[in-house]
PDB file of N, CA and C in Angstrom:
ATOM      1  N   MET A   1       0.849  -1.172   0.000  1.00  0.00           N
ATOM      2  CA  MET A   1       0.000   0.000   0.000  1.00  0.00           C
ATOM      3  C   MET A   1       0.894   1.233   0.000  1.00  0.00           C
ATOM      4  N   THR A   2       0.567   2.169  -0.839  1.00  0.00           N
ATOM      5  CA  THR A   2       1.340   3.408  -0.884  1.00  0.00           C
ATOM      6  C   THR A   2       0.897   4.354   0.231  1.00  0.00           C
ATOM      7  N   ILE A   3       1.729   5.335   0.497  1.00  0.00           N
ATOM      8  CA  ILE A   3       1.398   6.331   1.516  1.00  0.00           C
ATOM      9  C   ILE A   3       0.120   7.072   1.138  1.00  0.00           C
ATOM     10  N   ASP A   4      -0.052   7.381  -0.156  1.00  0.00           N
ATOM     11  CA  ASP A   4      -1.269   8.068  -0.592  1.00  0.00           C
ATOM     12  C   ASP A   4      -2.502   7.202  -0.362  1.00  0.00           C
ATOM     13  N   SER A   5      -2.403   5.906  -0.596  1.00  0.00           N
ATOM     14  CA  SER A   5      -3.526   5.001  -0.365  1.00  0.00           C
ATOM     15  C   SER A   5      -3.858   4.914   1.122  1.00  0.00           C
ATOM     16  N   LEU A   6      -2.832   4.885   1.956  1.00  0.00           N
ATOM     17  CA  LEU A   6      -3.035   4.855   3.399  1.00  0.00           C
ATOM     18  C   LEU A   6      -3.704   6.145   3.863  1.00  0.00           C
ATOM     19  N   ARG A   7      -3.233   7.270   3.360  1.00  0.00           N
ATOM     20  CA  ARG A   7      -3.842   8.562   3.714  1.00  0.00           C
ATOM     21  C   ARG A   7      -5.306   8.606   3.290  1.00  0.00           C
ATOM     22  N   LEU A   8      -5.608   8.070   2.112  1.00  0.00           N
ATOM     23  CA  LEU A   8      -6.982   8.034   1.623  1.00  0.00           C
ATOM     24  C   LEU A   8      -7.854   7.163   2.528  1.00  0.00           C
ATOM     25  N   ALA A   9      -7.340   6.015   2.944  1.00  0.00           N
ATOM     26  CA  ALA A   9      -8.093   5.129   3.835  1.00  0.00           C
ATOM     27  C   ALA A   9      -8.363   5.812   5.175  1.00  0.00           C
ATOM     28  N   ILE A  10      -7.385   6.544   5.693  1.00  0.00           N
ATOM     29  CA  ILE A  10      -7.576   7.278   6.953  1.00  0.00           C
ATOM     30  C   ILE A  10      -8.591   8.392   6.758  1.00  0.00           C
ATOM     31  N   LEU A  11      -8.508   9.109   5.645  1.00  0.00           N
ATOM     32  CA  LEU A  11      -9.468  10.170   5.353  1.00  0.00           C
ATOM     33  C   LEU A  11     -10.888   9.613   5.263  1.00  0.00           C
ATOM     34  N   GLU A  12     -11.052   8.465   4.613  1.00  0.00           N
ATOM     35  CA  GLU A  12     -12.364   7.835   4.513  1.00  0.00           C
ATOM     36  C   GLU A  12     -12.905   7.469   5.895  1.00  0.00           C
ATOM     37  N   ALA A  13     -12.023   6.970   6.763  1.00  0.00           N
ATOM     38  CA  ALA A  13     -12.437   6.626   8.124  1.00  0.00           C
ATOM     39  C   ALA A  13     -12.861   7.881   8.885  1.00  0.00           C
ATOM     40  N   GLN A  14     -12.132   8.974   8.703  1.00  0.00           N
ATOM     41  CA  GLN A  14     -12.469  10.227   9.373  1.00  0.00           C
ATOM     42  C   GLN A  14     -13.813  10.778   8.890  1.00  0.00           C
ATOM     43  N   ILE A  15     -14.038  10.714   7.610  1.00  0.00           N
ATOM     44  CA  ILE A  15     -15.301  11.202   7.041  1.00  0.00           C
ATOM     45  C   ILE A  15     -16.465  10.353   7.532  1.00  0.00           C
ATOM     46  N   GLU A  16     -16.301   9.050   7.480  1.00  0.00           N
ATOM     47  CA  GLU A  16     -17.346   8.138   7.949  1.00  0.00           C
ATOM     48  C   GLU A  16     -17.682   8.418   9.420  1.00  0.00           C
ATOM     49  N   ALA A  17     -16.661   8.628  10.222  1.00  0.00           N
ATOM     50  CA  ALA A  17     -16.869   8.921  11.643  1.00  0.00           C
ATOM     51  C   ALA A  17     -17.611  10.239  11.823  1.00  0.00           C
ATOM     52  N   ALA A  18     -17.185  11.264  11.111  1.00  0.00           N
ATOM     53  CA  ALA A  18     -17.803  12.583  11.236  1.00  0.00           C
ATOM     54  C   ALA A  18     -19.275  12.552  10.827  1.00  0.00           C
ATOM     55  N   LEU A  19     -19.597  11.790   9.801  1.00  0.00           N
ATOM     56  CA  LEU A  19     -20.991  11.687   9.363  1.00  0.00           C
ATOM     57  C   LEU A  19     -21.881  11.075  10.439  1.00  0.00           C
ATOM     58  N   GLY A  20     -21.289  10.280  11.329  1.00  0.00           N
ATOM     59  CA  GLY A  20     -22.039   9.680  12.426  1.00  0.00           C
ATOM     60  C   GLY A  20     -21.982  10.506  13.704  1.00  0.00           C
ATOM     61  N   GLY A  21     -21.381  11.690  13.632  1.00  0.00           N
ATOM     62  CA  GLY A  21     -21.303  12.554  14.802  1.00  0.00           C
ATOM     63  C   GLY A  21     -20.136  12.258  15.721  1.00  0.00           C
ATOM     64  N   HIS A  22     -19.225  11.399  15.271  1.00  0.00           N
ATOM     65  CA  HIS A  22     -18.047  11.074  16.072  1.00  0.00           C
ATOM     66  C   HIS A  22     -17.000  12.175  15.936  1.00  0.00           C
ATOM     67  N   GLU A  23     -16.192  12.323  16.956  1.00  0.00           N
ATOM     68  CA  GLU A  23     -15.111  13.307  16.973  1.00  0.00           C
ATOM     69  C   GLU A  23     -13.811  12.541  17.203  1.00  0.00           C
ATOM     70  N   LEU A  24     -13.195  12.096  16.111  1.00  0.00           N
ATOM     71  CA  LEU A  24     -11.992  11.282  16.230  1.00  0.00           C
ATOM     72  C   LEU A  24     -10.783  12.103  16.645  1.00  0.00           C
ATOM     73  N   ALA A  25     -10.005  11.553  17.557  1.00  0.00           N
ATOM     74  CA  ALA A  25      -8.709  12.123  17.901  1.00  0.00           C
ATOM     75  C   ALA A  25      -7.765  11.805  16.742  1.00  0.00           C
ATOM     76  N   THR A  26      -6.537  12.228  16.838  1.00  0.00           N
ATOM     77  CA  THR A  26      -5.539  11.969  15.798  1.00  0.00           C
ATOM     78  C   THR A  26      -5.261  10.478  15.680  1.00  0.00           C
ATOM     79  N   PHE A  27      -5.120  10.007  14.429  1.00  0.00           N
ATOM     80  CA  PHE A  27      -4.724   8.616  14.216  1.00  0.00           C
ATOM     81  C   PHE A  27      -3.285   8.466  14.667  1.00  0.00           C
ATOM     82  N   GLU A  28      -3.046   7.452  15.493  1.00  0.00           N
ATOM     83  CA  GLU A  28      -1.704   7.172  15.994  1.00  0.00           C
ATOM     84  C   GLU A  28      -1.279   5.786  15.558  1.00  0.00           C
ATOM     85  N   GLU A  29       0.017   5.616  15.349  1.00  0.00           N
ATOM     86  CA  GLU A  29       0.547   4.336  14.906  1.00  0.00           C
ATOM     87  C   GLU A  29       0.432   3.292  16.014  1.00  0.00           C
ATOM     88  N   VAL A  30      -0.119   2.136  15.652  1.00  0.00           N
ATOM     89  CA  VAL A  30      -0.229   0.975  16.537  1.00  0.00           C
ATOM     90  C   VAL A  30       0.275  -0.231  15.760  1.00  0.00           C
ATOM     91  N   ALA A  31       0.233  -1.397  16.361  1.00  0.00           N
ATOM     92  CA  ALA A  31       0.681  -2.606  15.673  1.00  0.00           C
ATOM     93  C   ALA A  31      -0.062  -2.777  14.343  1.00  0.00           C
ATOM     94  N   ASN A  32       0.665  -2.853  13.268  1.00  0.00           N
ATOM     95  CA  ASN A  32       0.128  -3.103  11.928  1.00  0.00           C
ATOM     96  C   ASN A  32      -0.823  -2.049  11.396  1.00  0.00           C
ATOM     97  N   GLY A  33      -0.753  -0.820  11.888  1.00  0.00           N
ATOM     98  CA  GLY A  33      -1.634   0.200  11.345  1.00  0.00           C
ATOM     99  C   GLY A  33      -1.720   1.442  12.191  1.00  0.00           C
ATOM    100  N   TYR A  34      -2.857   2.108  12.050  1.00  0.00           N
ATOM    101  CA  TYR A  34      -3.105   3.368  12.750  1.00  0.00           C
ATOM    102  C   TYR A  34      -4.500   3.312  13.361  1.00  0.00           C
ATOM    103  N   GLN A  35      -4.642   3.908  14.534  1.00  0.00           N
ATOM    104  CA  GLN A  35      -5.913   3.855  15.241  1.00  0.00           C
ATOM    105  C   GLN A  35      -6.244   5.209  15.852  1.00  0.00           C
ATOM    106  N   ALA A  36      -7.540   5.537  15.869  1.00  0.00           N
ATOM    107  CA  ALA A  36      -8.022   6.758  16.512  1.00  0.00           C
ATOM    108  C   ALA A  36      -9.273   6.414  17.298  1.00  0.00           C
ATOM    109  N   ALA A  37      -9.474   7.126  18.404  1.00  0.00           N
ATOM    110  CA  ALA A  37     -10.661   6.925  19.234  1.00  0.00           C
ATOM    111  C   ALA A  37     -11.525   8.176  19.194  1.00  0.00           C
ATOM    112  N   CYS A  38     -12.818   7.978  19.305  1.00  0.00           N
ATOM    113  CA  CYS A  38     -13.754   9.091  19.387  1.00  0.00           C
ATOM    114  C   CYS A  38     -13.653   9.686  20.787  1.00  0.00           C
ATOM    115  N   VAL A  39     -13.464  10.994  20.865  1.00  0.00           N
ATOM    116  CA  VAL A  39     -13.329  11.640  22.164  1.00  0.00           C
ATOM    117  C   VAL A  39     -14.671  11.712  22.897  1.00  0.00           C
ATOM    118  N   ARG A  40     -15.766  11.526  22.190  1.00  0.00           N
ATOM    119  CA  ARG A  40     -17.086  11.593  22.800  1.00  0.00           C
ATOM    120  C   ARG A  40     -17.539  10.254  23.374  1.00  0.00           C
ATOM    121  N   CYS A  41     -17.320   9.162  22.632  1.00  0.00           N
ATOM    122  CA  CYS A  41     -17.839   7.863  23.089  1.00  0.00           C
ATOM    123  C   CYS A  41     -16.750   6.844  23.388  1.00  0.00           C
ATOM    124  N   GLY A  42     -15.521   7.082  22.934  1.00  0.00           N
ATOM    125  CA  GLY A  42     -14.418   6.179  23.218  1.00  0.00           C
ATOM    126  C   GLY A  42     -14.251   5.027  22.240  1.00  0.00           C
ATOM    127  N   ALA A  43     -15.172   4.855  21.298  1.00  0.00           N
ATOM    128  CA  ALA A  43     -15.050   3.782  20.305  1.00  0.00           C
ATOM    129  C   ALA A  43     -13.893   4.091  19.355  1.00  0.00           C
ATOM    130  N   THR A  44     -13.356   3.061  18.712  1.00  0.00           N
ATOM    131  CA  THR A  44     -12.167   3.239  17.886  1.00  0.00           C
ATOM    132  C   THR A  44     -12.377   2.871  16.422  1.00  0.00           C
ATOM    133  N   SER A  45     -11.498   3.416  15.604  1.00  0.00           N
ATOM    134  CA  SER A  45     -11.426   3.093  14.191  1.00  0.00           C
ATOM    135  C   SER A  45      -9.964   2.793  13.883  1.00  0.00           C
ATOM    136  N   TRP A  46      -9.719   1.715  13.144  1.00  0.00           N
ATOM    137  CA  TRP A  46      -8.358   1.265  12.850  1.00  0.00           C
ATOM    138  C   TRP A  46      -8.195   1.131  11.346  1.00  0.00           C
ATOM    139  N   VAL A  47      -7.043   1.556  10.851  1.00  0.00           N
ATOM    140  CA  VAL A  47      -6.691   1.403   9.434  1.00  0.00           C
ATOM    141  C   VAL A  47      -5.375   0.657   9.376  1.00  0.00           C
ATOM    142  N   GLY A  48      -5.376  -0.476   8.685  1.00  0.00           N
ATOM    143  CA  GLY A  48      -4.182  -1.292   8.565  1.00  0.00           C
ATOM    144  C   GLY A  48      -3.244  -0.796   7.488  1.00  0.00           C
ATOM    145  N   THR A  49      -2.004  -1.209   7.579  1.00  0.00           N
ATOM    146  CA  THR A  49      -1.002  -0.788   6.608  1.00  0.00           C
ATOM    147  C   THR A  49      -1.284  -1.340   5.216  1.00  0.00           C
ATOM    148  N   GLN A  50      -2.133  -2.354   5.128  1.00  0.00           N
ATOM    149  CA  GLN A  50      -2.501  -2.931   3.836  1.00  0.00           C
ATOM    150  C   GLN A  50      -3.841  -2.407   3.325  1.00  0.00           C
ATOM    151  N   GLY A  51      -4.409  -1.417   4.031  1.00  0.00           N
ATOM    152  CA  GLY A  51      -5.655  -0.802   3.577  1.00  0.00           C
ATOM    153  C   GLY A  51      -6.913  -1.323   4.234  1.00  0.00           C
ATOM    154  N   LEU A  52      -6.794  -2.384   5.007  1.00  0.00           N
ATOM    155  CA  LEU A  52      -7.957  -2.919   5.704  1.00  0.00           C
ATOM    156  C   LEU A  52      -8.425  -1.918   6.746  1.00  0.00           C
ATOM    157  N   ARG A  53      -9.723  -1.708   6.837  1.00  0.00           N
ATOM    158  CA  ARG A  53     -10.287  -0.811   7.845  1.00  0.00           C
ATOM    159  C   ARG A  53     -11.178  -1.615   8.772  1.00  0.00           C
ATOM    160  N   TYR A  54     -11.091  -1.317  10.066  1.00  0.00           N
ATOM    161  CA  TYR A  54     -11.916  -1.973  11.070  1.00  0.00           C
ATOM    162  C   TYR A  54     -12.400  -0.901  12.024  1.00  0.00           C
ATOM    163  N   SER A  55     -13.709  -0.804  12.168  1.00  0.00           N
ATOM    164  CA  SER A  55     -14.268   0.255  12.989  1.00  0.00           C
ATOM    165  C   SER A  55     -15.228  -0.312  14.022  1.00  0.00           C
ATOM    166  N   LEU A  56     -15.100   0.164  15.244  1.00  0.00           N
ATOM    167  CA  LEU A  56     -16.040  -0.177  16.307  1.00  0.00           C
ATOM    168  C   LEU A  56     -16.999   0.985  16.566  1.00  0.00           C
ATOM    169  N   LEU A  57     -16.990   1.976  15.682  1.00  0.00           N
ATOM    170  CA  LEU A  57     -17.855   3.137  15.830  1.00  0.00           C
ATOM    171  C   LEU A  57     -19.297   2.771  15.484  1.00  0.00           C
ATOM    172  N   GLU A  58     -20.225   3.215  16.314  1.00  0.00           N
ATOM    173  CA  GLU A  58     -21.645   3.043  16.022  1.00  0.00           C
ATOM    174  C   GLU A  58     -22.012   3.952  14.850  1.00  0.00           C
ATOM    175  N   ASP A  59     -23.140   3.682  14.192  1.00  0.00           N
ATOM    176  CA  ASP A  59     -23.578   4.530  13.085  1.00  0.00           C
ATOM    177  C   ASP A  59     -23.771   5.975  13.548  1.00  0.00           C
ATOM    178  N   ILE A  60     -24.321   6.138  14.751  1.00  0.00           N
ATOM    179  CA  ILE A  60     -24.520   7.457  15.352  1.00  0.00           C
ATOM    180  C   ILE A  60     -23.819   7.467  16.706  1.00  0.00           C
ATOM    181  N   CYS A  61     -22.992   8.471  16.940  1.00  0.00           N
ATOM    182  CA  CYS A  61     -22.238   8.564  18.190  1.00  0.00           C
ATOM    183  C   CYS A  61     -23.188   8.721  19.373  1.00  0.00           C
ATOM    184  N   SER A  62     -22.989   7.902  20.379  1.00  0.00           N
ATOM    185  CA  SER A  62     -23.827   7.966  21.575  1.00  0.00           C
ATOM    186  C   SER A  62     -23.335   9.037  22.538  1.00  0.00           C
ATOM    187  N   GLY A  63     -22.075   9.423  22.411  1.00  0.00           N
ATOM    188  CA  GLY A  63     -21.516  10.404  23.326  1.00  0.00           C
ATOM    189  C   GLY A  63     -21.525   9.918  24.758  1.00  0.00           C
ATOM    190  N   SER A  64     -21.562   8.595  24.952  1.00  0.00           N
ATOM    191  CA  SER A  64     -21.739   8.019  26.289  1.00  0.00           C
ATOM    192  C   SER A  64     -20.531   8.183  27.194  1.00  0.00           C
ATOM    193  N   ARG A  65     -19.434   8.692  26.666  1.00  0.00           N
ATOM    194  CA  ARG A  65     -18.264   8.886  27.510  1.00  0.00           C
ATOM    195  C   ARG A  65     -18.459  10.095  28.426  1.00  0.00           C
ATOM    196  N   LYS A  66     -19.438  10.936  28.107  1.00  0.00           N
ATOM    197  CA  LYS A  66     -19.708  12.105  28.933  1.00  0.00           C
ATOM    198  C   LYS A  66     -20.070  11.695  30.348  1.00  0.00           C
ATOM    199  N   ASN A  67     -19.663  12.488  31.298  1.00  0.00           N
ATOM    200  CA  ASN A  67     -19.955  12.218  32.695  1.00  0.00           C
ATOM    201  C   ASN A  67     -21.301  12.862  33.055  1.00  0.00           C
ATOM    202  N   PRO A  68     -22.352  12.060  33.268  1.00  0.00           N
ATOM    203  CA  PRO A  68     -23.666  12.639  33.550  1.00  0.00           C
ATOM    204  C   PRO A  68     -23.680  13.419  34.863  1.00  0.00           C
ATOM    205  N   ASP A  69     -22.784  13.101  35.799  1.00  0.00           N
ATOM    206  CA  ASP A  69     -22.739  13.822  37.068  1.00  0.00           C
ATOM    207  C   ASP A  69     -22.197  15.239  36.898  1.00  0.00           C
ATOM    208  N   ALA A  70     -21.503  15.490  35.791  1.00  0.00           N
ATOM    209  CA  ALA A  70     -20.932  16.808  35.573  1.00  0.00           C
ATOM    210  C   ALA A  70     -22.013  17.809  35.178  1.00  0.00           C
ATOM    211  N   GLU A  71     -23.130  17.291  34.684  1.00  0.00           N
ATOM    212  CA  GLU A  71     -24.224  18.161  34.273  1.00  0.00           C
ATOM    213  C   GLU A  71     -25.252  18.194  35.399  1.00  0.00           C
ATOM    214  N   THR A  72     -25.263  19.238  36.132  1.00  0.00           N
ATOM    215  CA  THR A  72     -26.215  19.344  37.242  1.00  0.00           C
ATOM    216  C   THR A  72     -27.274  20.368  36.896  1.00  0.00           C
ATOM    217  N   THR A  73     -28.439  20.186  37.468  1.00  0.00           N
ATOM    218  CA  THR A  73     -29.530  21.125  37.256  1.00  0.00           C
ATOM    219  C   THR A  73     -29.845  21.820  38.567  1.00  0.00           C
ATOM    220  N   ASN A  74     -30.272  23.049  38.441  1.00  0.00           N
ATOM    221  CA  ASN A  74     -30.664  23.787  39.626  1.00  0.00           C
ATOM    222  C   ASN A  74     -32.080  23.403  40.026  1.00  0.00           C
ATOM    223  N   GLN A  75     -32.273  23.113  41.297  1.00  0.00           N
ATOM    224  CA  GLN A  75     -33.617  22.741  41.747  1.00  0.00           C
ATOM    225  C   GLN A  75     -34.128  23.740  42.738  1.00  0.00           C
TER     226      GLN A  75
END
Protein backbone atom coordinates (compact mmCIF):
# COMPACT_ATOMS: atom_id res chain seq x y z
CA MET A 1 0.00 0.00 0.00
CA THR A 2 1.34 3.41 -0.88
CA ILE A 3 1.40 6.33 1.52
CA ASP A 4 -1.27 8.07 -0.59
CA SER A 5 -3.53 5.00 -0.36
CA LEU A 6 -3.03 4.85 3.40
CA ARG A 7 -3.84 8.56 3.71
CA LEU A 8 -6.98 8.03 1.62
CA ALA A 9 -8.09 5.13 3.83
CA ILE A 10 -7.58 7.28 6.95
CA LEU A 11 -9.47 10.17 5.35
CA GLU A 12 -12.36 7.83 4.51
CA ALA A 13 -12.44 6.63 8.12
CA GLN A 14 -12.47 10.23 9.37
CA ILE A 15 -15.30 11.20 7.04
CA GLU A 16 -17.35 8.14 7.95
CA ALA A 17 -16.87 8.92 11.64
CA ALA A 18 -17.80 12.58 11.24
CA LEU A 19 -20.99 11.69 9.36
CA GLY A 20 -22.04 9.68 12.43
CA GLY A 21 -21.30 12.55 14.80
CA HIS A 22 -18.05 11.07 16.07
CA GLU A 23 -15.11 13.31 16.97
CA LEU A 24 -11.99 11.28 16.23
CA ALA A 25 -8.71 12.12 17.90
CA THR A 26 -5.54 11.97 15.80
CA PHE A 27 -4.72 8.62 14.22
CA GLU A 28 -1.70 7.17 15.99
CA GLU A 29 0.55 4.34 14.91
CA VAL A 30 -0.23 0.98 16.54
CA ALA A 31 0.68 -2.61 15.67
CA ASN A 32 0.13 -3.10 11.93
CA GLY A 33 -1.63 0.20 11.34
CA TYR A 34 -3.11 3.37 12.75
CA GLN A 35 -5.91 3.86 15.24
CA ALA A 36 -8.02 6.76 16.51
CA ALA A 37 -10.66 6.93 19.23
CA CYS A 38 -13.75 9.09 19.39
CA VAL A 39 -13.33 11.64 22.16
CA ARG A 40 -17.09 11.59 22.80
CA CYS A 41 -17.84 7.86 23.09
CA GLY A 42 -14.42 6.18 23.22
CA ALA A 43 -15.05 3.78 20.31
CA THR A 44 -12.17 3.24 17.89
CA SER A 45 -11.43 3.09 14.19
CA TRP A 46 -8.36 1.26 12.85
CA VAL A 47 -6.69 1.40 9.43
CA GLY A 48 -4.18 -1.29 8.57
CA THR A 49 -1.00 -0.79 6.61
CA GLN A 50 -2.50 -2.93 3.84
CA GLY A 51 -5.65 -0.80 3.58
CA LEU A 52 -7.96 -2.92 5.70
CA ARG A 53 -10.29 -0.81 7.84
CA TYR A 54 -11.92 -1.97 11.07
CA SER A 55 -14.27 0.25 12.99
CA LEU A 56 -16.04 -0.18 16.31
CA LEU A 57 -17.86 3.14 15.83
CA GLU A 58 -21.65 3.04 16.02
CA ASP A 59 -23.58 4.53 13.08
CA ILE A 60 -24.52 7.46 15.35
CA CYS A 61 -22.24 8.56 18.19
CA SER A 62 -23.83 7.97 21.58
CA GLY A 63 -21.52 10.40 23.33
CA SER A 64 -21.74 8.02 26.29
CA ARG A 65 -18.26 8.89 27.51
CA LYS A 66 -19.71 12.10 28.93
CA ASN A 67 -19.96 12.22 32.70
CA PRO A 68 -23.67 12.64 33.55
CA ASP A 69 -22.74 13.82 37.07
CA ALA A 70 -20.93 16.81 35.57
CA GLU A 71 -24.22 18.16 34.27
CA THR A 72 -26.22 19.34 37.24
CA THR A 73 -29.53 21.12 37.26
CA ASN A 74 -30.66 23.79 39.63
CA GLN A 75 -33.62 22.74 41.75
